[in-house]
Structure formats: structure tokens, C-alpha cells
N, C-alpha and C. Protein backbone atom coordinates (compact mmCIF):
# COMPACT_ATOMS: atom_id res chain seq x y z
N UNK A 1 3.12 2.71 -0.37
CA UNK A 1 2.28 2.29 -1.50
C UNK A 1 1.75 0.88 -1.25
N UNK A 2 0.46 0.66 -1.46
CA UNK A 2 -0.11 -0.66 -1.18
C UNK A 2 0.21 -1.64 -2.30
N UNK A 3 -0.10 -2.91 -2.05
CA UNK A 3 0.21 -3.98 -3.00
C UNK A 3 -0.39 -3.70 -4.38
N UNK A 4 -1.65 -3.27 -4.42
CA UNK A 4 -2.32 -3.07 -5.71
C UNK A 4 -1.66 -1.96 -6.52
N UNK A 5 -1.41 -0.82 -5.87
CA UNK A 5 -0.80 0.31 -6.58
C UNK A 5 0.61 -0.03 -7.06
N UNK A 6 1.37 -0.69 -6.20
CA UNK A 6 2.75 -1.05 -6.56
C UNK A 6 2.76 -2.02 -7.74
N UNK A 7 1.90 -3.03 -7.67
CA UNK A 7 1.83 -4.02 -8.74
C UNK A 7 1.41 -3.38 -10.06
N UNK A 8 0.37 -2.56 -10.00
CA UNK A 8 -0.15 -1.95 -11.21
C UNK A 8 0.90 -1.05 -11.87
N UNK A 9 1.52 -0.20 -11.10
CA UNK A 9 2.50 0.73 -11.67
C UNK A 9 3.68 -0.02 -12.28
N UNK A 10 4.12 -1.06 -11.60
CA UNK A 10 5.26 -1.84 -12.10
C UNK A 10 4.91 -2.51 -13.44
N UNK A 11 3.75 -3.17 -13.49
CA UNK A 11 3.37 -3.89 -14.71
C UNK A 11 3.04 -2.94 -15.85
N UNK A 12 2.30 -1.89 -15.54
CA UNK A 12 1.87 -0.93 -16.57
C UNK A 12 3.08 -0.26 -17.21
N UNK A 13 4.01 0.17 -16.39
CA UNK A 13 5.23 0.79 -16.92
C UNK A 13 6.08 -0.23 -17.64
N UNK A 14 6.19 -1.42 -17.05
CA UNK A 14 7.07 -2.45 -17.59
C UNK A 14 6.66 -2.93 -18.96
N UNK A 15 5.36 -2.95 -19.25
CA UNK A 15 4.90 -3.45 -20.55
C UNK A 15 4.92 -2.34 -21.61
N UNK A 16 5.25 -1.12 -21.17
CA UNK A 16 5.38 -0.03 -22.13
C UNK A 16 4.09 0.71 -22.43
N UNK A 17 3.13 0.64 -21.50
CA UNK A 17 1.85 1.34 -21.71
C UNK A 17 2.02 2.84 -21.46
N UNK A 18 1.27 3.63 -22.21
CA UNK A 18 1.35 5.09 -22.09
C UNK A 18 0.58 5.57 -20.86
N UNK A 19 1.04 6.67 -20.27
CA UNK A 19 0.36 7.25 -19.11
C UNK A 19 0.53 6.38 -17.88
N UNK A 20 -0.34 6.62 -16.88
CA UNK A 20 -0.23 5.82 -15.65
C UNK A 20 -1.35 4.78 -15.54
N UNK A 21 -2.29 4.81 -16.49
CA UNK A 21 -3.37 3.83 -16.47
C UNK A 21 -4.29 3.95 -15.27
N UNK A 22 -4.32 5.13 -14.65
CA UNK A 22 -5.06 5.28 -13.39
C UNK A 22 -6.57 5.05 -13.56
N UNK A 23 -7.13 5.47 -14.68
CA UNK A 23 -8.57 5.26 -14.89
C UNK A 23 -8.88 3.76 -15.02
N UNK A 24 -8.04 3.03 -15.75
CA UNK A 24 -8.22 1.59 -15.90
C UNK A 24 -8.00 0.88 -14.57
N UNK A 25 -7.01 1.30 -13.83
CA UNK A 25 -6.73 0.76 -12.50
C UNK A 25 -7.97 0.89 -11.62
N UNK A 26 -8.60 2.05 -11.64
CA UNK A 26 -9.81 2.27 -10.84
C UNK A 26 -10.97 1.40 -11.32
N UNK A 27 -11.09 1.25 -12.64
CA UNK A 27 -12.15 0.41 -13.21
C UNK A 27 -11.99 -1.05 -12.77
N UNK A 28 -10.77 -1.53 -12.81
CA UNK A 28 -10.52 -2.92 -12.44
C UNK A 28 -10.77 -3.15 -10.95
N UNK A 29 -10.31 -2.23 -10.12
CA UNK A 29 -10.56 -2.40 -8.68
C UNK A 29 -12.06 -2.37 -8.39
N UNK A 30 -12.79 -1.52 -9.09
CA UNK A 30 -14.25 -1.47 -8.90
C UNK A 30 -14.90 -2.77 -9.36
N UNK A 31 -14.39 -3.35 -10.44
CA UNK A 31 -14.94 -4.61 -10.95
C UNK A 31 -14.79 -5.72 -9.91
N UNK A 32 -13.62 -5.80 -9.29
CA UNK A 32 -13.39 -6.85 -8.29
C UNK A 32 -14.17 -6.61 -7.00
N UNK A 33 -14.76 -5.44 -6.87
CA UNK A 33 -15.57 -5.12 -5.68
C UNK A 33 -17.08 -5.23 -5.94
N UNK A 34 -17.46 -5.76 -7.11
CA UNK A 34 -18.88 -5.87 -7.44
C UNK A 34 -19.61 -6.76 -6.43
N UNK A 35 -20.88 -6.46 -6.16
CA UNK A 35 -21.61 -7.14 -5.07
C UNK A 35 -21.88 -8.62 -5.29
N UNK A 36 -21.89 -9.09 -6.54
CA UNK A 36 -22.17 -10.51 -6.78
C UNK A 36 -20.97 -11.40 -6.47
N UNK A 37 -19.85 -10.79 -6.20
CA UNK A 37 -18.62 -11.54 -5.96
C UNK A 37 -18.44 -11.83 -4.47
N UNK A 38 -17.99 -13.04 -4.18
CA UNK A 38 -17.65 -13.40 -2.80
C UNK A 38 -16.26 -14.01 -2.73
N UNK A 39 -15.86 -14.71 -3.80
CA UNK A 39 -14.48 -15.21 -3.88
C UNK A 39 -13.67 -14.42 -4.89
N UNK A 40 -14.23 -14.15 -6.06
CA UNK A 40 -13.49 -13.48 -7.14
C UNK A 40 -13.44 -11.97 -6.88
N UNK A 41 -12.81 -11.63 -5.78
CA UNK A 41 -12.82 -10.28 -5.22
C UNK A 41 -11.40 -9.72 -5.18
N UNK A 42 -11.28 -8.56 -4.55
CA UNK A 42 -9.95 -7.98 -4.33
C UNK A 42 -9.11 -8.87 -3.42
N UNK A 43 -9.76 -9.64 -2.55
CA UNK A 43 -9.00 -10.58 -1.72
C UNK A 43 -8.27 -11.60 -2.60
N UNK A 44 -9.00 -12.18 -3.56
CA UNK A 44 -8.40 -13.16 -4.47
C UNK A 44 -7.32 -12.50 -5.33
N UNK A 45 -7.60 -11.33 -5.87
CA UNK A 45 -6.61 -10.63 -6.67
C UNK A 45 -5.35 -10.35 -5.85
N UNK A 46 -5.54 -9.89 -4.62
CA UNK A 46 -4.41 -9.60 -3.75
C UNK A 46 -3.59 -10.85 -3.44
N UNK A 47 -4.27 -11.97 -3.23
CA UNK A 47 -3.55 -13.23 -2.98
C UNK A 47 -2.75 -13.64 -4.21
N UNK A 48 -3.33 -13.45 -5.38
CA UNK A 48 -2.62 -13.78 -6.63
C UNK A 48 -1.39 -12.88 -6.81
N UNK A 49 -1.56 -11.60 -6.57
CA UNK A 49 -0.44 -10.68 -6.74
C UNK A 49 0.67 -10.95 -5.74
N UNK A 50 0.30 -11.32 -4.53
CA UNK A 50 1.31 -11.66 -3.51
C UNK A 50 2.07 -12.92 -3.92
N UNK A 51 1.34 -13.92 -4.42
CA UNK A 51 1.99 -15.15 -4.89
C UNK A 51 2.91 -14.85 -6.06
N UNK A 52 2.47 -13.94 -6.94
CA UNK A 52 3.30 -13.56 -8.09
C UNK A 52 4.57 -12.86 -7.62
N UNK A 53 4.44 -11.99 -6.64
CA UNK A 53 5.61 -11.28 -6.10
C UNK A 53 6.71 -12.26 -5.72
N UNK A 54 6.30 -13.36 -5.10
CA UNK A 54 7.27 -14.35 -4.62
C UNK A 54 7.88 -15.17 -5.75
N UNK A 55 7.19 -15.21 -6.90
CA UNK A 55 7.63 -16.07 -8.01
C UNK A 55 7.93 -15.27 -9.27
N UNK A 56 8.01 -13.97 -9.16
CA UNK A 56 8.13 -13.10 -10.34
C UNK A 56 9.33 -13.45 -11.21
N UNK A 57 10.43 -13.83 -10.59
CA UNK A 57 11.66 -14.11 -11.35
C UNK A 57 11.51 -15.35 -12.23
N UNK A 58 10.47 -16.14 -12.01
CA UNK A 58 10.25 -17.35 -12.81
C UNK A 58 9.57 -17.04 -14.15
N UNK A 59 9.01 -15.85 -14.30
CA UNK A 59 8.26 -15.50 -15.51
C UNK A 59 9.18 -15.10 -16.65
N UNK A 60 8.84 -15.54 -17.86
CA UNK A 60 9.58 -15.11 -19.05
C UNK A 60 9.24 -13.66 -19.38
N UNK A 61 7.96 -13.31 -19.23
CA UNK A 61 7.48 -11.94 -19.47
C UNK A 61 6.70 -11.51 -18.23
N UNK A 62 7.40 -11.10 -17.17
CA UNK A 62 6.72 -10.85 -15.90
C UNK A 62 5.64 -9.78 -15.95
N UNK A 63 5.83 -8.74 -16.73
CA UNK A 63 4.82 -7.68 -16.79
C UNK A 63 3.53 -8.18 -17.44
N UNK A 64 3.68 -9.04 -18.42
CA UNK A 64 2.50 -9.62 -19.07
C UNK A 64 1.75 -10.54 -18.12
N UNK A 65 2.47 -11.35 -17.37
CA UNK A 65 1.82 -12.24 -16.40
C UNK A 65 1.10 -11.42 -15.33
N UNK A 66 1.75 -10.36 -14.87
CA UNK A 66 1.15 -9.54 -13.82
C UNK A 66 -0.12 -8.86 -14.31
N UNK A 67 -0.10 -8.33 -15.53
CA UNK A 67 -1.30 -7.70 -16.07
C UNK A 67 -2.39 -8.74 -16.34
N UNK A 68 -2.00 -9.93 -16.76
CA UNK A 68 -2.99 -11.00 -16.95
C UNK A 68 -3.68 -11.34 -15.63
N UNK A 69 -2.94 -11.30 -14.54
CA UNK A 69 -3.56 -11.52 -13.23
C UNK A 69 -4.59 -10.44 -12.93
N UNK A 70 -4.26 -9.22 -13.25
CA UNK A 70 -5.20 -8.12 -13.03
C UNK A 70 -6.50 -8.31 -13.80
N UNK A 71 -6.39 -8.85 -14.99
CA UNK A 71 -7.56 -8.97 -15.86
C UNK A 71 -8.26 -10.32 -15.77
N UNK A 72 -7.67 -11.33 -15.12
CA UNK A 72 -8.15 -12.69 -15.33
C UNK A 72 -9.57 -12.92 -14.82
N UNK A 73 -10.01 -12.15 -13.83
CA UNK A 73 -11.40 -12.22 -13.37
C UNK A 73 -12.08 -10.85 -13.47
N UNK A 74 -11.62 -10.04 -14.40
CA UNK A 74 -12.15 -8.67 -14.49
C UNK A 74 -13.64 -8.66 -14.79
N UNK A 75 -14.07 -9.54 -15.68
CA UNK A 75 -15.50 -9.73 -15.95
C UNK A 75 -15.95 -10.96 -15.18
N UNK A 76 -16.94 -10.79 -14.32
CA UNK A 76 -17.42 -11.96 -13.56
C UNK A 76 -18.93 -11.91 -13.43
N UNK A 77 -19.57 -12.50 -14.44
CA UNK A 77 -21.02 -12.68 -14.46
C UNK A 77 -21.28 -14.10 -13.95
N UNK A 78 -21.96 -14.20 -12.81
CA UNK A 78 -22.16 -15.50 -12.17
C UNK A 78 -22.74 -16.53 -13.12
N UNK A 79 -23.66 -16.11 -13.97
CA UNK A 79 -24.32 -17.05 -14.89
C UNK A 79 -23.71 -17.03 -16.29
N UNK A 80 -22.63 -16.29 -16.44
CA UNK A 80 -22.00 -16.18 -17.75
C UNK A 80 -21.06 -17.35 -18.04
N UNK A 81 -20.90 -17.65 -19.31
CA UNK A 81 -20.01 -18.74 -19.72
C UNK A 81 -18.83 -18.22 -20.55
N UNK A 82 -18.74 -16.91 -20.67
CA UNK A 82 -17.66 -16.34 -21.48
C UNK A 82 -16.89 -15.27 -20.71
N UNK A 83 -16.84 -15.41 -19.40
CA UNK A 83 -16.17 -14.40 -18.57
C UNK A 83 -14.70 -14.23 -18.95
N UNK A 84 -13.99 -15.35 -19.13
CA UNK A 84 -12.57 -15.28 -19.46
C UNK A 84 -12.38 -14.64 -20.84
N UNK A 85 -13.24 -15.00 -21.78
CA UNK A 85 -13.14 -14.43 -23.13
C UNK A 85 -13.33 -12.91 -23.08
N UNK A 86 -14.35 -12.48 -22.37
CA UNK A 86 -14.62 -11.03 -22.27
C UNK A 86 -13.51 -10.31 -21.51
N UNK A 87 -12.99 -10.94 -20.47
CA UNK A 87 -11.89 -10.35 -19.72
C UNK A 87 -10.64 -10.24 -20.58
N UNK A 88 -10.35 -11.31 -21.33
CA UNK A 88 -9.17 -11.33 -22.20
C UNK A 88 -9.29 -10.27 -23.30
N UNK A 89 -10.48 -10.15 -23.88
CA UNK A 89 -10.70 -9.14 -24.93
C UNK A 89 -10.53 -7.73 -24.37
N UNK A 90 -11.03 -7.51 -23.15
CA UNK A 90 -10.88 -6.20 -22.51
C UNK A 90 -9.39 -5.89 -22.32
N UNK A 91 -8.64 -6.86 -21.84
CA UNK A 91 -7.21 -6.66 -21.62
C UNK A 91 -6.50 -6.28 -22.91
N UNK A 92 -6.75 -7.04 -23.96
CA UNK A 92 -6.07 -6.79 -25.24
C UNK A 92 -6.43 -5.41 -25.78
N UNK A 93 -7.70 -5.06 -25.71
CA UNK A 93 -8.14 -3.76 -26.23
C UNK A 93 -7.55 -2.61 -25.41
N UNK A 94 -7.58 -2.74 -24.08
CA UNK A 94 -7.07 -1.67 -23.21
C UNK A 94 -5.58 -1.47 -23.41
N UNK A 95 -4.84 -2.56 -23.56
CA UNK A 95 -3.40 -2.45 -23.73
C UNK A 95 -3.06 -1.87 -25.10
N UNK A 96 -3.77 -2.28 -26.13
CA UNK A 96 -3.53 -1.71 -27.45
C UNK A 96 -3.84 -0.22 -27.46
N UNK A 97 -4.93 0.16 -26.78
CA UNK A 97 -5.30 1.58 -26.70
C UNK A 97 -4.22 2.40 -25.99
N UNK A 98 -3.47 1.74 -25.10
CA UNK A 98 -2.41 2.42 -24.35
C UNK A 98 -1.06 2.34 -25.07
N UNK A 99 -1.08 1.88 -26.31
CA UNK A 99 0.13 1.88 -27.12
C UNK A 99 1.04 0.68 -26.91
N UNK A 100 0.55 -0.36 -26.25
CA UNK A 100 1.35 -1.56 -26.04
C UNK A 100 1.47 -2.33 -27.36
N UNK A 101 2.62 -2.91 -27.60
CA UNK A 101 2.86 -3.67 -28.82
C UNK A 101 1.81 -4.77 -28.97
N UNK A 102 1.35 -4.97 -30.19
CA UNK A 102 0.29 -5.93 -30.45
C UNK A 102 0.62 -7.33 -29.97
N UNK A 103 1.87 -7.76 -30.14
CA UNK A 103 2.25 -9.12 -29.72
C UNK A 103 2.14 -9.28 -28.21
N UNK A 104 2.56 -8.26 -27.47
CA UNK A 104 2.48 -8.32 -26.00
C UNK A 104 1.02 -8.31 -25.55
N UNK A 105 0.21 -7.46 -26.17
CA UNK A 105 -1.22 -7.40 -25.81
C UNK A 105 -1.90 -8.74 -26.10
N UNK A 106 -1.51 -9.40 -27.19
CA UNK A 106 -2.08 -10.70 -27.53
C UNK A 106 -1.65 -11.76 -26.53
N UNK A 107 -0.40 -11.70 -26.09
CA UNK A 107 0.07 -12.68 -25.09
C UNK A 107 -0.69 -12.53 -23.78
N UNK A 108 -0.97 -11.29 -23.37
CA UNK A 108 -1.77 -11.09 -22.17
C UNK A 108 -3.16 -11.69 -22.36
N UNK A 109 -3.74 -11.44 -23.50
CA UNK A 109 -5.05 -12.02 -23.85
C UNK A 109 -5.01 -13.55 -23.71
N UNK A 110 -3.99 -14.17 -24.29
CA UNK A 110 -3.90 -15.63 -24.27
C UNK A 110 -3.67 -16.16 -22.85
N UNK A 111 -2.93 -15.42 -22.05
CA UNK A 111 -2.72 -15.82 -20.66
C UNK A 111 -4.04 -15.81 -19.88
N UNK A 112 -4.83 -14.78 -20.08
CA UNK A 112 -6.13 -14.72 -19.40
C UNK A 112 -6.99 -15.92 -19.82
N UNK A 113 -6.96 -16.26 -21.10
CA UNK A 113 -7.75 -17.39 -21.59
C UNK A 113 -7.33 -18.70 -20.94
N UNK A 114 -6.06 -18.81 -20.54
CA UNK A 114 -5.58 -20.04 -19.90
C UNK A 114 -6.26 -20.28 -18.55
N UNK A 115 -6.82 -19.23 -17.95
CA UNK A 115 -7.46 -19.40 -16.63
C UNK A 115 -8.86 -20.00 -16.75
N UNK A 116 -9.26 -20.40 -17.94
CA UNK A 116 -10.51 -21.17 -18.06
C UNK A 116 -10.34 -22.56 -17.42
N UNK A 117 -9.08 -23.00 -17.30
CA UNK A 117 -8.76 -24.30 -16.68
C UNK A 117 -9.43 -25.47 -17.40
N UNK A 118 -9.61 -25.32 -18.70
CA UNK A 118 -10.21 -26.42 -19.48
C UNK A 118 -9.14 -27.41 -19.95
N UNK A 119 -7.89 -27.02 -19.85
CA UNK A 119 -6.79 -27.90 -20.26
C UNK A 119 -5.57 -27.57 -19.41
N UNK A 120 -4.66 -28.51 -19.30
CA UNK A 120 -3.41 -28.27 -18.60
C UNK A 120 -2.61 -27.24 -19.43
N UNK A 121 -2.14 -26.17 -18.82
CA UNK A 121 -1.45 -25.12 -19.58
C UNK A 121 -0.15 -25.63 -20.19
N UNK A 122 0.24 -25.01 -21.30
CA UNK A 122 1.42 -25.50 -22.02
C UNK A 122 2.61 -24.54 -21.93
N UNK A 123 2.41 -23.26 -22.22
CA UNK A 123 3.52 -22.32 -22.22
C UNK A 123 4.06 -22.06 -20.83
N UNK A 124 5.30 -21.61 -20.75
CA UNK A 124 5.95 -21.35 -19.46
C UNK A 124 5.16 -20.36 -18.62
N UNK A 125 4.83 -19.20 -19.19
CA UNK A 125 4.10 -18.19 -18.44
C UNK A 125 2.67 -18.61 -18.16
N UNK A 126 2.08 -19.38 -19.06
CA UNK A 126 0.74 -19.92 -18.81
C UNK A 126 0.75 -20.81 -17.57
N UNK A 127 1.76 -21.68 -17.48
CA UNK A 127 1.84 -22.58 -16.33
C UNK A 127 1.97 -21.80 -15.03
N UNK A 128 2.80 -20.77 -15.06
CA UNK A 128 2.99 -19.96 -13.86
C UNK A 128 1.70 -19.25 -13.47
N UNK A 129 1.05 -18.64 -14.43
CA UNK A 129 -0.19 -17.90 -14.16
C UNK A 129 -1.28 -18.82 -13.60
N UNK A 130 -1.45 -19.97 -14.22
CA UNK A 130 -2.49 -20.91 -13.79
C UNK A 130 -2.17 -21.44 -12.40
N UNK A 131 -0.90 -21.72 -12.13
CA UNK A 131 -0.53 -22.18 -10.78
C UNK A 131 -0.85 -21.12 -9.73
N UNK A 132 -0.62 -19.87 -10.06
CA UNK A 132 -0.96 -18.78 -9.12
C UNK A 132 -2.46 -18.73 -8.90
N UNK A 133 -3.23 -18.83 -9.98
CA UNK A 133 -4.68 -18.80 -9.86
C UNK A 133 -5.20 -19.97 -9.02
N UNK A 134 -4.54 -21.11 -9.13
CA UNK A 134 -4.96 -22.31 -8.40
C UNK A 134 -4.30 -22.45 -7.03
N UNK A 135 -3.50 -21.47 -6.65
CA UNK A 135 -2.78 -21.59 -5.37
C UNK A 135 -3.74 -21.69 -4.19
N UNK A 136 -4.97 -21.20 -4.35
CA UNK A 136 -5.97 -21.30 -3.27
C UNK A 136 -6.24 -22.76 -2.91
N UNK A 137 -6.11 -23.68 -3.87
CA UNK A 137 -6.36 -25.09 -3.58
C UNK A 137 -5.37 -25.64 -2.56
N UNK A 138 -4.20 -25.04 -2.52
CA UNK A 138 -3.18 -25.47 -1.57
C UNK A 138 -3.04 -24.56 -0.37
N UNK A 139 -4.08 -23.77 -0.13
CA UNK A 139 -4.05 -22.85 1.02
C UNK A 139 -4.17 -23.63 2.33
N UNK A 140 -3.82 -22.96 3.41
CA UNK A 140 -4.05 -23.53 4.74
C UNK A 140 -5.53 -23.89 4.88
N UNK A 141 -5.81 -24.89 5.71
CA UNK A 141 -7.16 -25.44 5.80
C UNK A 141 -8.22 -24.36 6.06
N UNK A 142 -7.95 -23.43 6.96
CA UNK A 142 -8.94 -22.40 7.31
C UNK A 142 -9.28 -21.54 6.10
N UNK A 143 -8.25 -21.15 5.34
CA UNK A 143 -8.48 -20.32 4.15
C UNK A 143 -9.16 -21.13 3.06
N UNK A 144 -8.78 -22.38 2.89
CA UNK A 144 -9.43 -23.21 1.87
C UNK A 144 -10.91 -23.37 2.19
N UNK A 145 -11.24 -23.61 3.44
CA UNK A 145 -12.65 -23.77 3.81
C UNK A 145 -13.43 -22.47 3.61
N UNK A 146 -12.78 -21.34 3.88
CA UNK A 146 -13.41 -20.05 3.62
C UNK A 146 -13.67 -19.88 2.13
N UNK A 147 -12.70 -20.28 1.32
CA UNK A 147 -12.83 -20.24 -0.14
C UNK A 147 -14.04 -21.04 -0.61
N UNK A 148 -14.20 -22.24 -0.10
CA UNK A 148 -15.34 -23.07 -0.47
C UNK A 148 -16.66 -22.40 -0.10
N UNK A 149 -16.70 -21.75 1.06
CA UNK A 149 -17.91 -21.03 1.48
C UNK A 149 -18.17 -19.84 0.56
N UNK A 150 -17.10 -19.17 0.15
CA UNK A 150 -17.24 -18.02 -0.75
C UNK A 150 -17.78 -18.44 -2.11
N UNK A 151 -17.30 -19.55 -2.62
CA UNK A 151 -17.80 -20.07 -3.90
C UNK A 151 -19.28 -20.42 -3.77
N UNK A 152 -19.65 -21.03 -2.67
CA UNK A 152 -21.06 -21.40 -2.47
C UNK A 152 -21.95 -20.15 -2.46
N UNK A 153 -21.48 -19.07 -1.85
CA UNK A 153 -22.28 -17.83 -1.82
C UNK A 153 -22.41 -17.24 -3.21
N UNK A 154 -21.37 -17.36 -4.02
CA UNK A 154 -21.47 -16.85 -5.40
C UNK A 154 -22.54 -17.62 -6.19
N UNK A 155 -22.69 -18.87 -5.87
CA UNK A 155 -23.66 -19.71 -6.58
C UNK A 155 -24.85 -20.05 -5.69
N UNK A 156 -25.27 -19.07 -4.91
CA UNK A 156 -26.37 -19.28 -3.97
C UNK A 156 -27.67 -19.65 -4.68
N UNK A 157 -27.81 -19.27 -5.96
CA UNK A 157 -29.05 -19.55 -6.70
C UNK A 157 -29.14 -21.03 -7.11
N UNK A 158 -28.04 -21.76 -7.03
CA UNK A 158 -28.03 -23.18 -7.43
C UNK A 158 -28.48 -24.03 -6.25
N UNK A 159 -29.44 -24.93 -6.45
CA UNK A 159 -29.89 -25.80 -5.35
C UNK A 159 -28.72 -26.59 -4.76
N UNK A 160 -28.79 -26.83 -3.46
CA UNK A 160 -27.69 -27.45 -2.73
C UNK A 160 -27.21 -28.76 -3.32
N UNK A 161 -28.14 -29.67 -3.64
CA UNK A 161 -27.74 -30.99 -4.14
C UNK A 161 -27.01 -30.86 -5.47
N UNK A 162 -27.48 -29.93 -6.32
CA UNK A 162 -26.86 -29.76 -7.64
C UNK A 162 -25.51 -29.09 -7.49
N UNK A 163 -25.42 -28.10 -6.62
CA UNK A 163 -24.14 -27.44 -6.40
C UNK A 163 -23.10 -28.44 -5.91
N UNK A 164 -23.48 -29.25 -4.93
CA UNK A 164 -22.53 -30.21 -4.36
C UNK A 164 -22.02 -31.19 -5.41
N UNK A 165 -22.93 -31.64 -6.28
CA UNK A 165 -22.54 -32.59 -7.32
C UNK A 165 -21.59 -31.95 -8.33
N UNK A 166 -21.95 -30.75 -8.80
CA UNK A 166 -21.13 -30.07 -9.80
C UNK A 166 -19.78 -29.65 -9.21
N UNK A 167 -19.82 -29.17 -7.98
CA UNK A 167 -18.59 -28.73 -7.33
C UNK A 167 -17.63 -29.90 -7.14
N UNK A 168 -18.19 -31.02 -6.74
CA UNK A 168 -17.35 -32.21 -6.56
C UNK A 168 -16.72 -32.63 -7.88
N UNK A 169 -17.47 -32.55 -8.97
CA UNK A 169 -16.93 -32.90 -10.29
C UNK A 169 -15.75 -32.01 -10.65
N UNK A 170 -15.91 -30.71 -10.40
CA UNK A 170 -14.85 -29.75 -10.74
C UNK A 170 -13.59 -30.04 -9.93
N UNK A 171 -13.77 -30.18 -8.62
CA UNK A 171 -12.60 -30.38 -7.75
C UNK A 171 -11.96 -31.74 -8.00
N UNK A 172 -12.78 -32.74 -8.29
CA UNK A 172 -12.24 -34.07 -8.58
C UNK A 172 -11.42 -34.04 -9.87
N UNK A 173 -11.82 -33.16 -10.80
CA UNK A 173 -11.06 -33.01 -12.03
C UNK A 173 -9.63 -32.59 -11.77
N UNK A 174 -9.44 -31.69 -10.81
CA UNK A 174 -8.09 -31.27 -10.44
C UNK A 174 -7.36 -32.39 -9.71
N UNK A 175 -8.07 -33.06 -8.83
CA UNK A 175 -7.47 -34.14 -8.06
C UNK A 175 -7.01 -35.29 -8.95
N UNK A 176 -7.73 -35.52 -10.04
CA UNK A 176 -7.41 -36.62 -10.95
C UNK A 176 -6.25 -36.32 -11.89
N UNK A 177 -5.81 -35.09 -11.92
CA UNK A 177 -4.65 -34.76 -12.76
C UNK A 177 -3.39 -35.40 -12.17
N UNK A 178 -2.44 -35.78 -13.02
CA UNK A 178 -1.17 -36.30 -12.50
C UNK A 178 -0.48 -35.29 -11.57
N UNK A 179 -0.62 -34.02 -11.90
CA UNK A 179 -0.10 -32.94 -11.05
C UNK A 179 -1.06 -31.77 -11.15
N UNK A 180 -1.40 -31.18 -10.01
CA UNK A 180 -2.26 -30.00 -9.99
C UNK A 180 -1.46 -28.79 -10.45
N UNK A 181 -0.22 -28.72 -9.99
CA UNK A 181 0.65 -27.57 -10.29
C UNK A 181 1.70 -27.96 -11.32
N UNK A 182 1.88 -27.09 -12.31
CA UNK A 182 2.76 -27.40 -13.44
C UNK A 182 4.19 -26.92 -13.24
N UNK A 183 4.40 -25.95 -12.36
CA UNK A 183 5.75 -25.43 -12.14
C UNK A 183 6.35 -26.09 -10.91
N UNK A 184 7.65 -26.40 -10.94
CA UNK A 184 8.28 -27.00 -9.78
C UNK A 184 8.11 -26.16 -8.50
N UNK A 185 8.15 -24.85 -8.66
CA UNK A 185 8.04 -23.95 -7.50
C UNK A 185 6.72 -24.17 -6.75
N UNK A 186 5.61 -24.12 -7.46
CA UNK A 186 4.31 -24.27 -6.80
C UNK A 186 4.01 -25.74 -6.48
N UNK A 187 4.52 -26.65 -7.30
CA UNK A 187 4.31 -28.07 -7.01
C UNK A 187 4.95 -28.43 -5.67
N UNK A 188 6.18 -27.99 -5.48
CA UNK A 188 6.88 -28.30 -4.23
C UNK A 188 6.21 -27.65 -3.03
N UNK A 189 5.69 -26.44 -3.23
CA UNK A 189 5.13 -25.68 -2.11
C UNK A 189 3.70 -26.11 -1.75
N UNK A 190 2.89 -26.49 -2.76
CA UNK A 190 1.45 -26.59 -2.52
C UNK A 190 0.80 -27.91 -2.91
N UNK A 191 1.45 -28.74 -3.70
CA UNK A 191 0.79 -29.94 -4.24
C UNK A 191 0.22 -30.84 -3.14
N UNK A 192 1.02 -31.15 -2.15
CA UNK A 192 0.58 -32.09 -1.11
C UNK A 192 -0.62 -31.55 -0.35
N UNK A 193 -0.55 -30.27 0.03
CA UNK A 193 -1.66 -29.69 0.79
C UNK A 193 -2.91 -29.55 -0.08
N UNK A 194 -2.73 -29.22 -1.35
CA UNK A 194 -3.89 -29.12 -2.25
C UNK A 194 -4.59 -30.47 -2.34
N UNK A 195 -3.83 -31.53 -2.47
CA UNK A 195 -4.44 -32.86 -2.57
C UNK A 195 -5.14 -33.23 -1.27
N UNK A 196 -4.57 -32.86 -0.14
CA UNK A 196 -5.23 -33.10 1.14
C UNK A 196 -6.57 -32.36 1.22
N UNK A 197 -6.55 -31.09 0.82
CA UNK A 197 -7.78 -30.27 0.83
C UNK A 197 -8.85 -30.87 -0.09
N UNK A 198 -8.44 -31.25 -1.29
CA UNK A 198 -9.40 -31.75 -2.27
C UNK A 198 -9.96 -33.12 -1.88
N UNK A 199 -9.09 -33.98 -1.35
CA UNK A 199 -9.58 -35.29 -0.89
C UNK A 199 -10.60 -35.12 0.24
N UNK A 200 -10.34 -34.15 1.10
CA UNK A 200 -11.21 -33.94 2.25
C UNK A 200 -12.62 -33.51 1.82
N UNK A 201 -12.71 -32.69 0.78
CA UNK A 201 -14.04 -32.18 0.40
C UNK A 201 -14.71 -32.98 -0.71
N UNK A 202 -13.97 -33.90 -1.34
CA UNK A 202 -14.58 -34.71 -2.40
C UNK A 202 -14.78 -36.16 -1.98
N UNK A 203 -14.20 -36.54 -0.86
CA UNK A 203 -14.24 -37.94 -0.43
C UNK A 203 -15.62 -38.40 0.05
């Protein structure tokens, strides 16, 4: 069984959803394969799920965190400003339709909303989820540089000078935080390399 199937079955069953969710699983995989995506793809989802596998025991509600990872970039309109909101709403609706308890479905919704990265996450599972989503910042240099190229391709319609300015602002925002990673696990593993990567491309 591949990473995606194993992750999906574990989380879907674990959260108490009815059936096997196979139609939704197929919908989500198709969403991550949309042609406008270059970074927010199955590669990114797979990297997130692999990182979660290694840190799963740190989650208070592991099935909710895992499903939030599945949905966190489910809607990805390059020019949209409400992708996380729409993704979070889809998650909550799909889980409720599958008989998941309302409180659990709402927590998944709130976890997806945390990936807007507009504020430092507060809850335990929020911190873990956001650290996983940001783990690319602490990737090996070759992968980080590939990531930057993938982001540029997603925003190919933006003029180069404007993209460079906006991108630098975003990355500098992470660099200016007292800590990029909120959990000790990811801070110890990735903080130093993430800061090296960010300094290199924003300096």
C-alpha cells in the first residue's frame, strides 16, 4: 500500500468516518494534480504526510491533523485569496456528511485555517500542523531551491520584479519570527537550516 492510501485509510477510519471515503480520496488526489499547481502538488502532500508519519505521536488528535493535511491545499486557485477558507469548509462538510462528530469536523476545519500562516499558531495540534507545512523551509538546499522555482512557476503571471519583492517580504516575515518552528521536534531538526535557506534567498 502506498503512502497516500495508507495515510487516508488510517485517518478516515480513525476519525470515525463512515465507509472508506474512496470517492473523496480520489477527488483530493485529483485536486493536487491540477495543472496550475507546481508546488502545491502531490509531491508537497506526500512530503507533509511523510513528516507527519515521523511525528504522529506528538499529535493530541492525530487523525484530525492527518486529515487537515489532506485538505490544507485542496482548493488552490492561484489568484484566489480564500483558498484555505474554501478548503477548510470542504473538509468540515465532507466529514460531517460521513458521520464524523461535529466537534472533530470543526477542529479539522480550524486546523486547515491555521495554514494561512497569518499568525503564529497557538494550539498544540495547530503548531504541529503548521510546522509540517513549513518543513519545506528547512529542506536540503537542492529541494529548497526546487521549491522556490516551483513557487515562481505557480506565479508565472506576476512580473519578475514584483514577484521578487513580494516573495522576499513573505520569506523575510518567517525569518523575522523569534522561531520559525513552534514544536521542539521540528525546531531542533529544521530551524537552523531553514534560517540558512531564508537568509540566502532574502539577503
